[in-house]
Amino acid sequence: MDIGIVYGADKKAIDVDFIARRGDKRYYIQIAFSLPSMEKINQETRSFSLIGDNFRKIIITYENPIFTTLEFGYERVNIIDFLLDENYLK
């Protein structure tokens, strides 16, 4: 598990909370208590938009819904479901 940093056009560093690796797969993970607005969604997915590969990009939240696909294929999953589903990252 790593923490990642990507750089925006303004050269400002933006962090990715976690980068998980499983074999040749990589998962970019952001953690947020909730996503109550588009502003918060944009804040949490900004680093994802700067990553140039096609590995899964996941936001883990405390709130429901259990699973949602956001714009650009980013995923949102509830923390309980993420932790209890041993196959989620397969």
PDB file of N, CA and C in Angstrom:
ATOM      1  N   MET A   1       0.854  -1.156   0.000  1.00  0.00           N
ATOM      2  CA  MET A   1       0.000   0.000   0.000  1.00  0.00           C
ATOM      3  C   MET A   1       0.905   1.225   0.000  1.00  0.00           C
ATOM      4  N   ASP A   2       0.600   2.156  -0.886  1.00  0.00           N
ATOM      5  CA  ASP A   2       1.378   3.387  -1.000  1.00  0.00           C
ATOM      6  C   ASP A   2       0.447   4.583  -0.923  1.00  0.00           C
ATOM      7  N   ILE A   3       1.032   5.731  -0.709  1.00  0.00           N
ATOM      8  CA  ILE A   3       0.332   6.998  -0.840  1.00  0.00           C
ATOM      9  C   ILE A   3       0.907   7.650  -2.079  1.00  0.00           C
ATOM     10  N   GLY A   4       0.050   8.202  -2.917  1.00  0.00           N
ATOM     11  CA  GLY A   4       0.529   8.772  -4.163  1.00  0.00           C
ATOM     12  C   GLY A   4       0.336  10.270  -4.224  1.00  0.00           C
ATOM     13  N   ILE A   5       1.134  10.898  -5.064  1.00  0.00           N
ATOM     14  CA  ILE A   5       1.009  12.324  -5.321  1.00  0.00           C
ATOM     15  C   ILE A   5       1.022  12.520  -6.824  1.00  0.00           C
ATOM     16  N   VAL A   6       0.065  13.297  -7.307  1.00  0.00           N
ATOM     17  CA  VAL A   6       0.038  13.691  -8.709  1.00  0.00           C
ATOM     18  C   VAL A   6       0.076  15.209  -8.739  1.00  0.00           C
ATOM     19  N   TYR A   7       0.458  15.767  -9.878  1.00  0.00           N
ATOM     20  CA  TYR A   7       0.604  17.209  -9.988  1.00  0.00           C
ATOM     21  C   TYR A   7      -0.360  17.762 -11.014  1.00  0.00           C
ATOM     22  N   GLY A   8      -1.073  18.812 -10.636  1.00  0.00           N
ATOM     23  CA  GLY A   8      -2.005  19.483 -11.525  1.00  0.00           C
ATOM     24  C   GLY A   8      -1.265  20.388 -12.494  1.00  0.00           C
ATOM     25  N   ALA A   9      -2.016  20.999 -13.397  1.00  0.00           N
ATOM     26  CA  ALA A   9      -1.435  21.908 -14.382  1.00  0.00           C
ATOM     27  C   ALA A   9      -0.738  23.086 -13.703  1.00  0.00           C
ATOM     28  N   ASP A  10      -1.193  23.439 -12.512  1.00  0.00           N
ATOM     29  CA  ASP A  10      -0.586  24.542 -11.767  1.00  0.00           C
ATOM     30  C   ASP A  10       0.617  24.090 -10.938  1.00  0.00           C
ATOM     31  N   LYS A  11       1.051  22.845 -11.166  1.00  0.00           N
ATOM     32  CA  LYS A  11       2.205  22.240 -10.464  1.00  0.00           C
ATOM     33  C   LYS A  11       1.944  22.015  -8.973  1.00  0.00           C
ATOM     34  N   LYS A  12       0.690  22.140  -8.564  1.00  0.00           N
ATOM     35  CA  LYS A  12       0.330  21.903  -7.175  1.00  0.00           C
ATOM     36  C   LYS A  12       0.164  20.409  -6.936  1.00  0.00           C
ATOM     37  N   ALA A  13       0.750  19.910  -5.848  1.00  0.00           N
ATOM     38  CA  ALA A  13       0.669  18.490  -5.515  1.00  0.00           C
ATOM     39  C   ALA A  13      -0.727  18.144  -4.997  1.00  0.00           C
ATOM     40  N   ILE A  14      -1.261  17.030  -5.500  1.00  0.00           N
ATOM     41  CA  ILE A  14      -2.564  16.529  -5.073  1.00  0.00           C
ATOM     42  C   ILE A  14      -2.366  15.074  -4.666  1.00  0.00           C
ATOM     43  N   ASP A  15      -2.824  14.716  -3.477  1.00  0.00           N
ATOM     44  CA  ASP A  15      -2.568  13.358  -3.005  1.00  0.00           C
ATOM     45  C   ASP A  15      -3.658  12.380  -3.395  1.00  0.00           C
ATOM     46  N   VAL A  16      -3.240  11.141  -3.512  1.00  0.00           N
ATOM     47  CA  VAL A  16      -4.143   9.994  -3.623  1.00  0.00           C
ATOM     48  C   VAL A  16      -3.984   9.293  -2.287  1.00  0.00           C
ATOM     49  N   ASP A  17      -5.088   9.086  -1.561  1.00  0.00           N
ATOM     50  CA  ASP A  17      -4.979   8.564  -0.204  1.00  0.00           C
ATOM     51  C   ASP A  17      -4.231   7.240  -0.140  1.00  0.00           C
ATOM     52  N   PHE A  18      -4.567   6.306  -1.029  1.00  0.00           N
ATOM     53  CA  PHE A  18      -3.902   5.006  -1.042  1.00  0.00           C
ATOM     54  C   PHE A  18      -3.775   4.489  -2.465  1.00  0.00           C
ATOM     55  N   ILE A  19      -2.689   3.786  -2.707  1.00  0.00           N
ATOM     56  CA  ILE A  19      -2.529   3.029  -3.943  1.00  0.00           C
ATOM     57  C   ILE A  19      -2.280   1.593  -3.513  1.00  0.00           C
ATOM     58  N   ALA A  20      -3.212   0.713  -3.834  1.00  0.00           N
ATOM     59  CA  ALA A  20      -3.082  -0.702  -3.467  1.00  0.00           C
ATOM     60  C   ALA A  20      -2.663  -1.479  -4.701  1.00  0.00           C
ATOM     61  N   ARG A  21      -1.822  -2.478  -4.497  1.00  0.00           N
ATOM     62  CA  ARG A  21      -1.371  -3.328  -5.594  1.00  0.00           C
ATOM     63  C   ARG A  21      -1.715  -4.776  -5.272  1.00  0.00           C
ATOM     64  N   ARG A  22      -2.174  -5.473  -6.293  1.00  0.00           N
ATOM     65  CA  ARG A  22      -2.450  -6.909  -6.170  1.00  0.00           C
ATOM     66  C   ARG A  22      -1.983  -7.525  -7.470  1.00  0.00           C
ATOM     67  N   GLY A  23      -0.847  -8.201  -7.432  1.00  0.00           N
ATOM     68  CA  GLY A  23      -0.262  -8.740  -8.659  1.00  0.00           C
ATOM     69  C   GLY A  23       0.069  -7.606  -9.605  1.00  0.00           C
ATOM     70  N   ASP A  24      -0.413  -7.695 -10.826  1.00  0.00           N
ATOM     71  CA  ASP A  24      -0.147  -6.643 -11.808  1.00  0.00           C
ATOM     72  C   ASP A  24      -1.257  -5.590 -11.845  1.00  0.00           C
ATOM     73  N   LYS A  25      -2.187  -5.634 -10.889  1.00  0.00           N
ATOM     74  CA  LYS A  25      -3.277  -4.668 -10.833  1.00  0.00           C
ATOM     75  C   LYS A  25      -2.954  -3.576  -9.821  1.00  0.00           C
ATOM     76  N   ARG A  26      -3.518  -2.413 -10.065  1.00  0.00           N
ATOM     77  CA  ARG A  26      -3.343  -1.278  -9.167  1.00  0.00           C
ATOM     78  C   ARG A  26      -4.719  -0.669  -8.916  1.00  0.00           C
ATOM     79  N   TYR A  27      -4.931  -0.195  -7.685  1.00  0.00           N
ATOM     80  CA  TYR A  27      -6.199   0.424  -7.294  1.00  0.00           C
ATOM     81  C   TYR A  27      -5.881   1.754  -6.620  1.00  0.00           C
ATOM     82  N   TYR A  28      -6.515   2.807  -7.093  1.00  0.00           N
ATOM     83  CA  TYR A  28      -6.359   4.123  -6.488  1.00  0.00           C
ATOM     84  C   TYR A  28      -7.564   4.347  -5.591  1.00  0.00           C
ATOM     85  N   ILE A  29      -7.305   4.694  -4.329  1.00  0.00           N
ATOM     86  CA  ILE A  29      -8.383   4.777  -3.347  1.00  0.00           C
ATOM     87  C   ILE A  29      -8.357   6.123  -2.638  1.00  0.00           C
ATOM     88  N   GLN A  30      -9.507   6.778  -2.634  1.00  0.00           N
ATOM     89  CA  GLN A  30      -9.718   7.998  -1.869  1.00  0.00           C
ATOM     90  C   GLN A  30     -10.703   7.662  -0.752  1.00  0.00           C
ATOM     91  N   ILE A  31     -10.541   8.306   0.389  1.00  0.00           N
ATOM     92  CA  ILE A  31     -11.412   8.102   1.532  1.00  0.00           C
ATOM     93  C   ILE A  31     -12.136   9.412   1.828  1.00  0.00           C
ATOM     94  N   ALA A  32     -13.463   9.357   1.967  1.00  0.00           N
ATOM     95  CA  ALA A  32     -14.251  10.538   2.320  1.00  0.00           C
ATOM     96  C   ALA A  32     -15.420  10.093   3.188  1.00  0.00           C
ATOM     97  N   PHE A  33     -15.728  10.873   4.213  1.00  0.00           N
ATOM     98  CA  PHE A  33     -16.864  10.510   5.061  1.00  0.00           C
ATOM     99  C   PHE A  33     -18.142  10.503   4.243  1.00  0.00           C
ATOM    100  N   SER A  34     -18.336  11.539   3.434  1.00  0.00           N
ATOM    101  CA  SER A  34     -19.523  11.612   2.590  1.00  0.00           C
ATOM    102  C   SER A  34     -19.220  12.452   1.355  1.00  0.00           C
ATOM    103  N   LEU A  35     -20.109  12.371   0.386  1.00  0.00           N
ATOM    104  CA  LEU A  35     -20.012  13.162  -0.841  1.00  0.00           C
ATOM    105  C   LEU A  35     -21.323  13.930  -1.010  1.00  0.00           C
ATOM    106  N   PRO A  36     -21.531  14.972  -0.201  1.00  0.00           N
ATOM    107  CA  PRO A  36     -22.823  15.651  -0.177  1.00  0.00           C
ATOM    108  C   PRO A  36     -23.085  16.594  -1.361  1.00  0.00           C
ATOM    109  N   SER A  37     -22.045  16.909  -2.115  1.00  0.00           N
ATOM    110  CA  SER A  37     -22.224  17.885  -3.195  1.00  0.00           C
ATOM    111  C   SER A  37     -21.280  17.578  -4.351  1.00  0.00           C
ATOM    112  N   MET A  38     -21.574  18.179  -5.493  1.00  0.00           N
ATOM    113  CA  MET A  38     -20.671  18.027  -6.647  1.00  0.00           C
ATOM    114  C   MET A  38     -19.304  18.628  -6.335  1.00  0.00           C
ATOM    115  N   GLU A  39     -19.273  19.676  -5.549  1.00  0.00           N
ATOM    116  CA  GLU A  39     -17.997  20.290  -5.174  1.00  0.00           C
ATOM    117  C   GLU A  39     -17.116  19.272  -4.432  1.00  0.00           C
ATOM    118  N   LYS A  40     -17.712  18.537  -3.504  1.00  0.00           N
ATOM    119  CA  LYS A  40     -16.960  17.528  -2.744  1.00  0.00           C
ATOM    120  C   LYS A  40     -16.549  16.370  -3.645  1.00  0.00           C
ATOM    121  N   ILE A  41     -17.435  15.940  -4.532  1.00  0.00           N
ATOM    122  CA  ILE A  41     -17.089  14.873  -5.483  1.00  0.00           C
ATOM    123  C   ILE A  41     -15.914  15.314  -6.347  1.00  0.00           C
ATOM    124  N   ASN A  42     -15.962  16.545  -6.851  1.00  0.00           N
ATOM    125  CA  ASN A  42     -14.866  17.055  -7.678  1.00  0.00           C
ATOM    126  C   ASN A  42     -13.563  17.136  -6.895  1.00  0.00           C
ATOM    127  N   GLN A  43     -13.641  17.537  -5.641  1.00  0.00           N
ATOM    128  CA  GLN A  43     -12.456  17.605  -4.790  1.00  0.00           C
ATOM    129  C   GLN A  43     -11.833  16.217  -4.621  1.00  0.00           C
ATOM    130  N   GLU A  44     -12.663  15.220  -4.357  1.00  0.00           N
ATOM    131  CA  GLU A  44     -12.165  13.866  -4.122  1.00  0.00           C
ATOM    132  C   GLU A  44     -11.671  13.179  -5.401  1.00  0.00           C
ATOM    133  N   THR A  45     -12.220  13.540  -6.548  1.00  0.00           N
ATOM    134  CA  THR A  45     -11.829  12.866  -7.796  1.00  0.00           C
ATOM    135  C   THR A  45     -10.790  13.642  -8.595  1.00  0.00           C
ATOM    136  N   ARG A  46     -10.394  14.810  -8.124  1.00  0.00           N
ATOM    137  CA  ARG A  46      -9.421  15.611  -8.887  1.00  0.00           C
ATOM    138  C   ARG A  46      -8.134  14.841  -9.148  1.00  0.00           C
ATOM    139  N   SER A  47      -7.617  14.173  -8.138  1.00  0.00           N
ATOM    140  CA  SER A  47      -6.376  13.411  -8.338  1.00  0.00           C
ATOM    141  C   SER A  47      -6.585  12.280  -9.337  1.00  0.00           C
ATOM    142  N   PHE A  48      -7.757  11.649  -9.321  1.00  0.00           N
ATOM    143  CA  PHE A  48      -8.050  10.576 -10.277  1.00  0.00           C
ATOM    144  C   PHE A  48      -7.943  11.082 -11.712  1.00  0.00           C
ATOM    145  N   SER A  49      -8.433  12.292 -11.956  1.00  0.00           N
ATOM    146  CA  SER A  49      -8.444  12.823 -13.320  1.00  0.00           C
ATOM    147  C   SER A  49      -7.035  13.096 -13.840  1.00  0.00           C
ATOM    148  N   LEU A  50      -6.061  13.170 -12.954  1.00  0.00           N
ATOM    149  CA  LEU A  50      -4.679  13.431 -13.357  1.00  0.00           C
ATOM    150  C   LEU A  50      -3.864  12.155 -13.546  1.00  0.00           C
ATOM    151  N   ILE A  51      -4.458  11.017 -13.264  1.00  0.00           N
ATOM    152  CA  ILE A  51      -3.766   9.729 -13.396  1.00  0.00           C
ATOM    153  C   ILE A  51      -4.025   9.199 -14.794  1.00  0.00           C
ATOM    154  N   GLY A  52      -2.975   8.883 -15.514  1.00  0.00           N
ATOM    155  CA  GLY A  52      -3.101   8.539 -16.922  1.00  0.00           C
ATOM    156  C   GLY A  52      -3.251   7.064 -17.251  1.00  0.00           C
ATOM    157  N   ASP A  53      -3.637   6.226 -16.303  1.00  0.00           N
ATOM    158  CA  ASP A  53      -3.831   4.814 -16.638  1.00  0.00           C
ATOM    159  C   ASP A  53      -5.293   4.423 -16.420  1.00  0.00           C
ATOM    160  N   ASN A  54      -5.600   3.172 -16.690  1.00  0.00           N
ATOM    161  CA  ASN A  54      -6.985   2.704 -16.627  1.00  0.00           C
ATOM    162  C   ASN A  54      -7.272   1.770 -15.454  1.00  0.00           C
ATOM    163  N   PHE A  55      -6.447   1.824 -14.425  1.00  0.00           N
ATOM    164  CA  PHE A  55      -6.726   1.015 -13.240  1.00  0.00           C
ATOM    165  C   PHE A  55      -7.924   1.596 -12.489  1.00  0.00           C
ATOM    166  N   ARG A  56      -8.538   0.769 -11.642  1.00  0.00           N
ATOM    167  CA  ARG A  56      -9.737   1.178 -10.916  1.00  0.00           C
ATOM    168  C   ARG A  56      -9.447   2.327  -9.955  1.00  0.00           C
ATOM    169  N   LYS A  57     -10.406   3.245  -9.890  1.00  0.00           N
ATOM    170  CA  LYS A  57     -10.318   4.404  -9.019  1.00  0.00           C
ATOM    171  C   LYS A  57     -11.572   4.394  -8.145  1.00  0.00           C
ATOM    172  N   ILE A  58     -11.363   4.304  -6.818  1.00  0.00           N
ATOM    173  CA  ILE A  58     -12.445   4.026  -5.885  1.00  0.00           C
ATOM    174  C   ILE A  58     -12.475   5.083  -4.779  1.00  0.00           C
ATOM    175  N   ILE A  59     -13.671   5.573  -4.464  1.00  0.00           N
ATOM    176  CA  ILE A  59     -13.862   6.430  -3.300  1.00  0.00           C
ATOM    177  C   ILE A  59     -14.641   5.610  -2.277  1.00  0.00           C
ATOM    178  N   ILE A  60     -14.078   5.478  -1.089  1.00  0.00           N
ATOM    179  CA  ILE A  60     -14.732   4.748  -0.010  1.00  0.00           C
ATOM    180  C   ILE A  60     -15.368   5.781   0.919  1.00  0.00           C
ATOM    181  N   THR A  61     -16.683   5.625   1.172  1.00  0.00           N
ATOM    182  CA  THR A  61     -17.403   6.561   2.032  1.00  0.00           C
ATOM    183  C   THR A  61     -18.166   5.815   3.119  1.00  0.00           C
ATOM    184  N   TYR A  62     -18.545   6.562   4.133  1.00  0.00           N
ATOM    185  CA  TYR A  62     -19.362   5.990   5.198  1.00  0.00           C
ATOM    186  C   TYR A  62     -20.827   5.919   4.792  1.00  0.00           C
ATOM    187  N   GLU A  63     -21.234   6.844   3.960  1.00  0.00           N
ATOM    188  CA  GLU A  63     -22.640   6.910   3.568  1.00  0.00           C
ATOM    189  C   GLU A  63     -22.990   5.833   2.552  1.00  0.00           C
ATOM    190  N   ASN A  64     -24.289   5.571   2.430  1.00  0.00           N
ATOM    191  CA  ASN A  64     -24.779   4.718   1.354  1.00  0.00           C
ATOM    192  C   ASN A  64     -24.962   5.602   0.152  1.00  0.00           C
ATOM    193  N   PRO A  65     -25.062   5.147  -1.045  1.00  0.00           N
ATOM    194  CA  PRO A  65     -25.439   3.808  -1.461  1.00  0.00           C
ATOM    195  C   PRO A  65     -24.282   2.824  -1.332  1.00  0.00           C
ATOM    196  N   ILE A  66     -24.651   1.560  -1.377  1.00  0.00           N
ATOM    197  CA  ILE A  66     -23.670   0.495  -1.256  1.00  0.00           C
ATOM    198  C   ILE A  66     -22.609   0.622  -2.339  1.00  0.00           C
ATOM    199  N   PHE A  67     -23.033   0.824  -3.581  1.00  0.00           N
ATOM    200  CA  PHE A  67     -22.094   0.910  -4.686  1.00  0.00           C
ATOM    201  C   PHE A  67     -22.663   1.835  -5.743  1.00  0.00           C
ATOM    202  N   THR A  68     -21.833   2.705  -6.264  1.00  0.00           N
ATOM    203  CA  THR A  68     -22.245   3.630  -7.308  1.00  0.00           C
ATOM    204  C   THR A  68     -21.085   3.850  -8.261  1.00  0.00           C
ATOM    205  N   THR A  69     -21.399   4.002  -9.526  1.00  0.00           N
ATOM    206  CA  THR A  69     -20.378   4.405 -10.487  1.00  0.00           C
ATOM    207  C   THR A  69     -20.574   5.887 -10.753  1.00  0.00           C
ATOM    208  N   LEU A  70     -19.515   6.660 -10.549  1.00  0.00           N
ATOM    209  CA  LEU A  70     -19.564   8.094 -10.773  1.00  0.00           C
ATOM    210  C   LEU A  70     -19.092   8.396 -12.187  1.00  0.00           C
ATOM    211  N   GLU A  71     -19.064   9.666 -12.538  1.00  0.00           N
ATOM    212  CA  GLU A  71     -18.575  10.095 -13.844  1.00  0.00           C
ATOM    213  C   GLU A  71     -17.175   9.550 -14.091  1.00  0.00           C
ATOM    214  N   PHE A  72     -16.858   9.227 -15.326  1.00  0.00           N
ATOM    215  CA  PHE A  72     -15.570   8.696 -15.772  1.00  0.00           C
ATOM    216  C   PHE A  72     -15.293   7.291 -15.245  1.00  0.00           C
ATOM    217  N   GLY A  73     -16.311   6.601 -14.720  1.00  0.00           N
ATOM    218  CA  GLY A  73     -16.130   5.236 -14.261  1.00  0.00           C
ATOM    219  C   GLY A  73     -15.552   5.115 -12.861  1.00  0.00           C
ATOM    220  N   TYR A  74     -15.378   6.237 -12.166  1.00  0.00           N
ATOM    221  CA  TYR A  74     -14.908   6.162 -10.784  1.00  0.00           C
ATOM    222  C   TYR A  74     -15.978   5.466  -9.963  1.00  0.00           C
ATOM    223  N   GLU A  75     -15.541   4.703  -8.977  1.00  0.00           N
ATOM    224  CA  GLU A  75     -16.479   3.939  -8.160  1.00  0.00           C
ATOM    225  C   GLU A  75     -16.602   4.554  -6.769  1.00  0.00           C
ATOM    226  N   ARG A  76     -17.788   4.436  -6.202  1.00  0.00           N
ATOM    227  CA  ARG A  76     -17.999   4.823  -4.808  1.00  0.00           C
ATOM    228  C   ARG A  76     -18.584   3.618  -4.103  1.00  0.00           C
ATOM    229  N   VAL A  77     -18.026   3.269  -2.953  1.00  0.00           N
ATOM    230  CA  VAL A  77     -18.498   2.113  -2.208  1.00  0.00           C
ATOM    231  C   VAL A  77     -18.546   2.463  -0.721  1.00  0.00           C
ATOM    232  N   ASN A  78     -19.508   1.905  -0.037  1.00  0.00           N
ATOM    233  CA  ASN A  78     -19.652   2.075   1.400  1.00  0.00           C
ATOM    234  C   ASN A  78     -18.523   1.321   2.109  1.00  0.00           C
ATOM    235  N   ILE A  79     -17.966   1.912   3.161  1.00  0.00           N
ATOM    236  CA  ILE A  79     -16.823   1.325   3.876  1.00  0.00           C
ATOM    237  C   ILE A  79     -17.121  -0.070   4.424  1.00  0.00           C
ATOM    238  N   ILE A  80     -18.315  -0.271   4.962  1.00  0.00           N
ATOM    239  CA  ILE A  80     -18.675  -1.579   5.532  1.00  0.00           C
ATOM    240  C   ILE A  80     -18.674  -2.641   4.432  1.00  0.00           C
ATOM    241  N   ASP A  81     -19.306  -2.319   3.316  1.00  0.00           N
ATOM    242  CA  ASP A  81     -19.358  -3.268   2.202  1.00  0.00           C
ATOM    243  C   ASP A  81     -17.970  -3.537   1.637  1.00  0.00           C
ATOM    244  N   PHE A  82     -17.147  -2.512   1.570  1.00  0.00           N
ATOM    245  CA  PHE A  82     -15.783  -2.680   1.086  1.00  0.00           C
ATOM    246  C   PHE A  82     -14.994  -3.629   1.989  1.00  0.00           C
ATOM    247  N   LEU A  83     -15.115  -3.431   3.286  1.00  0.00           N
ATOM    248  CA  LEU A  83     -14.345  -4.255   4.235  1.00  0.00           C
ATOM    249  C   LEU A  83     -14.861  -5.694   4.326  1.00  0.00           C
ATOM    250  N   LEU A  84     -16.157  -5.896   4.151  1.00  0.00           N
ATOM    251  CA  LEU A  84     -16.724  -7.234   4.311  1.00  0.00           C
ATOM    252  C   LEU A  84     -16.693  -8.069   3.025  1.00  0.00           C
ATOM    253  N   ASP A  85     -16.499  -7.437   1.881  1.00  0.00           N
ATOM    254  CA  ASP A  85     -16.495  -8.163   0.605  1.00  0.00           C
ATOM    255  C   ASP A  85     -15.056  -8.489   0.212  1.00  0.00           C
ATOM    256  N   GLU A  86     -14.634  -9.697   0.523  1.00  0.00           N
ATOM    257  CA  GLU A  86     -13.237 -10.083   0.247  1.00  0.00           C
ATOM    258  C   GLU A  86     -12.916 -10.128  -1.232  1.00  0.00           C
ATOM    259  N   ASN A  87     -13.933 -10.121  -2.069  1.00  0.00           N
ATOM    260  CA  ASN A  87     -13.711 -10.186  -3.523  1.00  0.00           C
ATOM    261  C   ASN A  87     -13.816  -8.823  -4.197  1.00  0.00           C
ATOM    262  N   TYR A  88     -14.015  -7.749  -3.446  1.00  0.00           N
ATOM    263  CA  TYR A  88     -14.247  -6.446  -4.062  1.00  0.00           C
ATOM    264  C   TYR A  88     -13.104  -6.007  -4.989  1.00  0.00           C
ATOM    265  N   LEU A  89     -11.885  -6.262  -4.600  1.00  0.00           N
ATOM    266  CA  LEU A  89     -10.752  -5.819  -5.417  1.00  0.00           C
ATOM    267  C   LEU A  89     -10.282  -6.862  -6.417  1.00  0.00           C
ATOM    268  N   LYS A  90     -11.090  -7.847  -6.715  1.00  0.00           N
ATOM    269  CA  LYS A  90     -10.689  -8.848  -7.710  1.00  0.00           C
ATOM    270  C   LYS A  90     -11.169  -8.463  -9.063  1.00  0.00           C
TER     271      LYS A  90
END
